[in-house]
C-alpha cells in the first residue's frame, strides 16, 4: 500500500491506498502520467494514452502553468511509449476532480 499524504506537509499521513492515479489535464481530458506505479491491483489497459515524463517530475511542476508534453501509449509491460505527438498539459486541482469510477474503469483493468 502507498501512504497518502497532504501536499502541504508530506510528513503527515492521512490514510492508505492501493491506488494513486496521477494525471494531468490536457485538451483531450485527463491523461495518465506514465503507466507504472499507479495501482497495485490494477494496470492501465494496453493502448491507454499517457504522458511520457517520469512521475518524479510532478513535484517540480507549477499549478496552472501550461507545459508541452509528449503523448504516448501504455504497452503490456506498463511502459509509456512516445507516439511522436505533442500536447498541451497542466496540473490543476480540477484534473483530479474529473476522475471518477467510469474513467477509472475505462483506463484500468
N, C-alpha and C. Protein backbone atom coordinates (compact mmCIF):
# COMPACT_ATOMS: atom_id res chain seq x y z
N UNK A 1 0.83 -1.19 0.00
CA UNK A 1 0.00 0.00 0.00
C UNK A 1 0.87 1.24 0.00
N UNK A 2 0.39 2.27 -0.67
CA UNK A 2 1.11 3.54 -0.68
C UNK A 2 0.54 4.44 0.41
N UNK A 3 1.40 5.21 1.02
CA UNK A 3 0.96 6.16 2.03
C UNK A 3 0.43 7.39 1.31
N UNK A 4 -0.77 7.81 1.66
CA UNK A 4 -1.33 9.04 1.11
C UNK A 4 -1.02 10.17 2.08
N UNK A 5 -0.66 11.32 1.55
CA UNK A 5 -0.37 12.45 2.43
C UNK A 5 -0.82 13.74 1.79
N UNK A 6 -0.81 14.73 2.57
CA UNK A 6 -1.22 16.03 2.06
C UNK A 6 -0.04 16.67 1.32
N UNK A 7 -0.36 17.57 0.39
CA UNK A 7 0.69 18.22 -0.40
C UNK A 7 1.48 19.24 0.41
N UNK A 8 0.83 19.88 1.36
CA UNK A 8 1.50 20.93 2.11
C UNK A 8 2.55 20.38 3.07
N UNK A 9 2.29 19.21 3.62
CA UNK A 9 3.22 18.62 4.58
C UNK A 9 3.33 17.12 4.32
N UNK A 10 4.31 16.68 3.53
CA UNK A 10 4.42 15.27 3.17
C UNK A 10 4.66 14.34 4.35
N UNK A 11 4.99 14.87 5.51
CA UNK A 11 5.23 14.02 6.68
C UNK A 11 3.92 13.58 7.36
N UNK A 12 2.81 14.23 7.03
CA UNK A 12 1.55 13.93 7.70
C UNK A 12 0.76 12.92 6.88
N UNK A 13 0.61 11.72 7.38
CA UNK A 13 -0.16 10.68 6.69
C UNK A 13 -1.63 10.83 7.06
N UNK A 14 -2.51 10.77 6.06
CA UNK A 14 -3.94 10.86 6.33
C UNK A 14 -4.67 9.60 5.89
N UNK A 15 -3.95 8.55 5.49
CA UNK A 15 -4.60 7.31 5.10
C UNK A 15 -3.71 6.48 4.21
N UNK A 16 -4.23 5.33 3.80
CA UNK A 16 -3.50 4.42 2.93
C UNK A 16 -4.37 4.07 1.74
N UNK A 17 -3.73 3.79 0.60
CA UNK A 17 -4.47 3.46 -0.60
C UNK A 17 -3.70 2.45 -1.44
N UNK A 18 -4.43 1.62 -2.18
CA UNK A 18 -3.82 0.69 -3.13
C UNK A 18 -3.57 1.37 -4.47
N UNK A 19 -4.19 2.52 -4.65
CA UNK A 19 -4.20 3.13 -5.98
C UNK A 19 -3.97 4.64 -5.88
N UNK A 20 -2.94 5.14 -6.55
CA UNK A 20 -2.65 6.56 -6.58
C UNK A 20 -2.58 6.96 -8.06
N UNK A 21 -3.70 7.42 -8.59
CA UNK A 21 -3.78 7.73 -10.01
C UNK A 21 -3.25 9.14 -10.24
N UNK A 22 -2.22 9.25 -11.06
CA UNK A 22 -1.58 10.53 -11.34
C UNK A 22 -1.92 10.94 -12.77
N UNK A 23 -2.61 12.07 -12.91
CA UNK A 23 -2.99 12.56 -14.23
C UNK A 23 -2.67 14.05 -14.34
N UNK A 24 -2.62 14.51 -15.58
CA UNK A 24 -2.57 15.93 -15.86
C UNK A 24 -3.70 16.24 -16.82
N UNK A 25 -4.13 17.49 -16.80
CA UNK A 25 -5.20 17.95 -17.67
C UNK A 25 -4.62 18.32 -19.03
N UNK A 26 -5.32 17.91 -20.09
CA UNK A 26 -4.94 18.24 -21.47
C UNK A 26 -6.20 18.64 -22.22
N UNK A 27 -6.08 19.19 -23.44
CA UNK A 27 -7.28 19.47 -24.23
C UNK A 27 -8.10 18.21 -24.53
N UNK A 28 -7.47 17.04 -24.43
CA UNK A 28 -8.16 15.76 -24.67
C UNK A 28 -8.73 15.16 -23.38
N UNK A 29 -8.67 15.89 -22.27
CA UNK A 29 -9.14 15.38 -20.98
C UNK A 29 -7.97 14.99 -20.09
N UNK A 30 -8.27 14.32 -19.00
CA UNK A 30 -7.23 13.87 -18.07
C UNK A 30 -6.46 12.71 -18.67
N UNK A 31 -5.11 12.77 -18.61
CA UNK A 31 -4.26 11.71 -19.16
C UNK A 31 -3.28 11.28 -18.09
N UNK A 32 -3.05 9.96 -18.01
CA UNK A 32 -2.12 9.39 -17.03
C UNK A 32 -0.71 9.93 -17.19
N UNK A 33 -0.01 10.06 -16.08
CA UNK A 33 1.42 10.33 -16.08
C UNK A 33 2.10 8.97 -16.11
N UNK A 34 2.72 8.62 -17.21
CA UNK A 34 3.35 7.31 -17.33
C UNK A 34 2.34 6.18 -17.21
N UNK A 35 2.84 4.96 -17.07
CA UNK A 35 1.96 3.78 -16.97
C UNK A 35 2.26 2.92 -15.75
N UNK A 36 3.32 3.25 -15.01
CA UNK A 36 3.73 2.44 -13.86
C UNK A 36 3.31 3.08 -12.55
N UNK A 37 3.30 2.24 -11.52
CA UNK A 37 3.16 2.70 -10.14
C UNK A 37 1.87 3.44 -9.84
N UNK A 38 0.81 3.14 -10.58
CA UNK A 38 -0.48 3.78 -10.27
C UNK A 38 -1.25 2.97 -9.24
N UNK A 39 -1.40 1.69 -9.49
CA UNK A 39 -2.19 0.83 -8.62
C UNK A 39 -1.50 -0.52 -8.45
N UNK A 40 -1.65 -1.09 -7.27
CA UNK A 40 -1.08 -2.42 -7.04
C UNK A 40 -1.98 -3.49 -7.63
N UNK A 41 -3.28 -3.25 -7.66
CA UNK A 41 -4.22 -4.28 -8.09
C UNK A 41 -4.72 -4.09 -9.52
N UNK A 42 -4.48 -2.94 -10.11
CA UNK A 42 -4.97 -2.66 -11.46
C UNK A 42 -3.83 -2.12 -12.30
N UNK A 43 -3.90 -2.39 -13.60
CA UNK A 43 -2.90 -1.90 -14.54
C UNK A 43 -3.60 -1.13 -15.66
N UNK A 44 -2.94 -0.10 -16.22
CA UNK A 44 -3.55 0.58 -17.36
C UNK A 44 -3.69 -0.39 -18.53
N UNK A 45 -4.79 -0.27 -19.26
CA UNK A 45 -5.01 -1.11 -20.43
C UNK A 45 -3.98 -0.78 -21.50
N UNK A 46 -3.56 -1.79 -22.26
CA UNK A 46 -2.64 -1.58 -23.38
C UNK A 46 -3.30 -0.61 -24.35
N UNK A 47 -2.55 0.39 -24.80
CA UNK A 47 -3.08 1.39 -25.73
C UNK A 47 -3.63 2.63 -25.05
N UNK A 48 -3.70 2.63 -23.71
CA UNK A 48 -4.17 3.81 -22.97
C UNK A 48 -3.20 4.96 -23.19
N UNK A 49 -3.74 6.16 -23.43
CA UNK A 49 -2.88 7.33 -23.61
C UNK A 49 -2.18 7.67 -22.30
N UNK A 50 -0.95 8.15 -22.42
CA UNK A 50 -0.16 8.53 -21.25
C UNK A 50 0.75 9.70 -21.63
N UNK A 51 1.26 10.38 -20.63
CA UNK A 51 2.25 11.43 -20.83
C UNK A 51 3.60 10.84 -20.45
N UNK A 52 4.62 11.08 -21.27
CA UNK A 52 5.87 10.32 -21.18
C UNK A 52 6.93 10.90 -20.26
N UNK A 53 6.57 11.67 -19.26
CA UNK A 53 7.60 12.14 -18.34
C UNK A 53 7.52 11.36 -17.03
N UNK A 54 8.61 11.28 -16.28
CA UNK A 54 8.64 10.46 -15.07
C UNK A 54 7.75 11.02 -13.96
N UNK A 55 7.20 10.12 -13.15
CA UNK A 55 6.36 10.54 -12.02
C UNK A 55 7.08 11.53 -11.12
N UNK A 56 8.40 11.39 -10.99
CA UNK A 56 9.17 12.27 -10.11
C UNK A 56 9.11 13.73 -10.56
N UNK A 57 8.85 13.97 -11.83
CA UNK A 57 8.80 15.33 -12.35
C UNK A 57 7.59 16.10 -11.84
N UNK A 58 6.58 15.38 -11.37
CA UNK A 58 5.35 16.03 -10.91
C UNK A 58 5.64 17.06 -9.81
N UNK A 59 6.53 16.73 -8.90
CA UNK A 59 6.77 17.64 -7.76
C UNK A 59 7.39 18.97 -8.17
N UNK A 60 7.97 19.06 -9.36
CA UNK A 60 8.59 20.31 -9.82
C UNK A 60 7.64 21.17 -10.65
N UNK A 61 6.50 20.64 -11.00
CA UNK A 61 5.55 21.37 -11.84
C UNK A 61 4.80 22.41 -11.02
N UNK A 62 4.48 23.50 -11.66
CA UNK A 62 3.71 24.56 -11.02
C UNK A 62 2.26 24.45 -11.47
N UNK A 63 1.33 24.64 -10.53
CA UNK A 63 -0.09 24.56 -10.85
C UNK A 63 -0.49 25.69 -11.78
N UNK A 64 -1.42 25.37 -12.68
CA UNK A 64 -2.00 26.32 -13.63
C UNK A 64 -0.97 26.92 -14.59
N UNK A 65 0.13 26.22 -14.82
CA UNK A 65 1.12 26.60 -15.83
C UNK A 65 1.00 25.59 -16.95
N UNK A 66 0.92 26.07 -18.18
CA UNK A 66 0.79 25.16 -19.32
C UNK A 66 2.16 24.69 -19.79
N UNK A 67 2.31 23.38 -19.92
CA UNK A 67 3.54 22.76 -20.41
C UNK A 67 3.24 22.06 -21.73
N UNK A 68 4.28 21.70 -22.47
CA UNK A 68 4.12 20.87 -23.66
C UNK A 68 4.65 19.49 -23.30
N UNK A 69 3.78 18.50 -23.43
CA UNK A 69 4.12 17.12 -23.06
C UNK A 69 4.15 16.23 -24.30
N UNK A 70 4.90 15.14 -24.20
CA UNK A 70 4.93 14.15 -25.27
C UNK A 70 3.88 13.10 -24.95
N UNK A 71 2.97 12.88 -25.89
CA UNK A 71 1.91 11.90 -25.73
C UNK A 71 2.45 10.51 -26.03
N UNK A 72 1.99 9.52 -25.29
CA UNK A 72 2.41 8.14 -25.51
C UNK A 72 1.25 7.19 -25.32
N UNK A 73 1.56 5.89 -25.44
CA UNK A 73 0.57 4.83 -25.19
C UNK A 73 1.20 3.78 -24.28
N UNK A 74 0.40 3.28 -23.34
CA UNK A 74 0.87 2.22 -22.44
C UNK A 74 0.94 0.89 -23.20
N UNK A 75 2.00 0.13 -22.93
CA UNK A 75 2.08 -1.21 -23.52
C UNK A 75 1.83 -2.26 -22.44
N UNK A 76 1.93 -3.53 -22.80
CA UNK A 76 1.63 -4.62 -21.86
C UNK A 76 2.63 -4.72 -20.72
N UNK A 77 3.79 -4.06 -20.85
CA UNK A 77 4.81 -4.06 -19.78
C UNK A 77 4.73 -2.80 -18.92
N UNK A 78 3.65 -2.05 -19.07
CA UNK A 78 3.43 -0.80 -18.34
C UNK A 78 4.47 0.27 -18.67
N UNK A 79 4.94 0.29 -19.89
CA UNK A 79 5.84 1.33 -20.37
C UNK A 79 5.02 2.33 -21.17
N UNK A 80 5.32 3.61 -21.02
CA UNK A 80 4.66 4.65 -21.80
C UNK A 80 5.54 4.96 -22.99
N UNK A 81 5.14 4.48 -24.15
CA UNK A 81 5.93 4.64 -25.37
C UNK A 81 5.48 5.88 -26.14
N UNK A 82 6.40 6.82 -26.42
CA UNK A 82 6.03 8.04 -27.14
C UNK A 82 5.49 7.72 -28.52
N UNK A 83 4.49 8.51 -28.94
CA UNK A 83 3.92 8.34 -30.28
C UNK A 83 4.17 9.58 -31.15
N UNK A 84 5.20 10.34 -30.78
CA UNK A 84 5.65 11.49 -31.57
C UNK A 84 4.58 12.57 -31.77
N UNK A 85 3.74 12.75 -30.76
CA UNK A 85 2.78 13.84 -30.77
C UNK A 85 2.97 14.67 -29.51
N UNK A 86 2.89 15.99 -29.65
CA UNK A 86 2.99 16.89 -28.51
C UNK A 86 1.59 17.36 -28.14
N UNK A 87 1.37 17.58 -26.84
CA UNK A 87 0.06 18.04 -26.38
C UNK A 87 0.27 19.02 -25.23
N UNK A 88 -0.56 20.03 -25.16
CA UNK A 88 -0.52 20.98 -24.06
C UNK A 88 -1.01 20.26 -22.80
N UNK A 89 -0.33 20.48 -21.68
CA UNK A 89 -0.71 19.79 -20.45
C UNK A 89 -0.46 20.69 -19.25
N UNK A 90 -1.21 20.46 -18.19
CA UNK A 90 -1.02 21.23 -16.96
C UNK A 90 -1.56 20.43 -15.78
N UNK A 91 -1.07 20.78 -14.61
CA UNK A 91 -1.58 20.17 -13.39
C UNK A 91 -2.49 21.19 -12.71
N UNK A 92 -3.69 20.77 -12.40
CA UNK A 92 -4.64 21.63 -11.70
C UNK A 92 -5.43 20.79 -10.73
N UNK A 93 -6.07 21.42 -9.77
CA UNK A 93 -6.95 20.71 -8.86
C UNK A 93 -8.11 20.09 -9.62
N UNK A 94 -8.58 20.75 -10.67
CA UNK A 94 -9.72 20.27 -11.44
C UNK A 94 -9.45 18.91 -12.06
N UNK A 95 -8.23 18.65 -12.50
CA UNK A 95 -7.95 17.38 -13.17
C UNK A 95 -8.23 16.20 -12.25
N UNK A 96 -7.99 16.34 -10.95
CA UNK A 96 -8.28 15.24 -10.03
C UNK A 96 -9.78 15.08 -9.80
N UNK A 97 -10.55 16.15 -9.84
CA UNK A 97 -12.00 16.05 -9.65
C UNK A 97 -12.67 15.37 -10.82
N UNK A 98 -12.07 15.44 -12.02
CA UNK A 98 -12.66 14.82 -13.20
C UNK A 98 -12.57 13.30 -13.17
N UNK A 99 -11.71 12.75 -12.33
CA UNK A 99 -11.52 11.31 -12.29
C UNK A 99 -12.64 10.69 -11.47
N UNK A 100 -13.41 9.82 -12.11
CA UNK A 100 -14.47 9.11 -11.40
C UNK A 100 -14.38 7.62 -11.74
N UNK A 101 -15.30 6.83 -11.21
CA UNK A 101 -15.26 5.38 -11.42
C UNK A 101 -15.37 5.00 -12.89
N UNK A 102 -16.15 5.75 -13.67
CA UNK A 102 -16.29 5.46 -15.10
C UNK A 102 -14.97 5.65 -15.81
N UNK A 103 -14.28 6.75 -15.52
CA UNK A 103 -12.97 7.00 -16.14
C UNK A 103 -11.98 5.92 -15.74
N UNK A 104 -11.94 5.57 -14.47
CA UNK A 104 -11.01 4.55 -13.98
C UNK A 104 -11.25 3.22 -14.68
N UNK A 105 -12.51 2.81 -14.81
CA UNK A 105 -12.79 1.51 -15.45
C UNK A 105 -12.48 1.54 -16.94
N UNK A 106 -12.49 2.72 -17.56
CA UNK A 106 -12.15 2.79 -18.99
C UNK A 106 -10.64 2.72 -19.22
N UNK A 107 -9.84 3.04 -18.21
CA UNK A 107 -8.39 3.09 -18.34
C UNK A 107 -7.70 1.87 -17.73
N UNK A 108 -8.23 1.36 -16.63
CA UNK A 108 -7.57 0.27 -15.90
C UNK A 108 -8.33 -1.04 -16.04
N UNK A 109 -7.59 -2.13 -15.92
CA UNK A 109 -8.23 -3.46 -15.86
C UNK A 109 -7.61 -4.28 -14.77
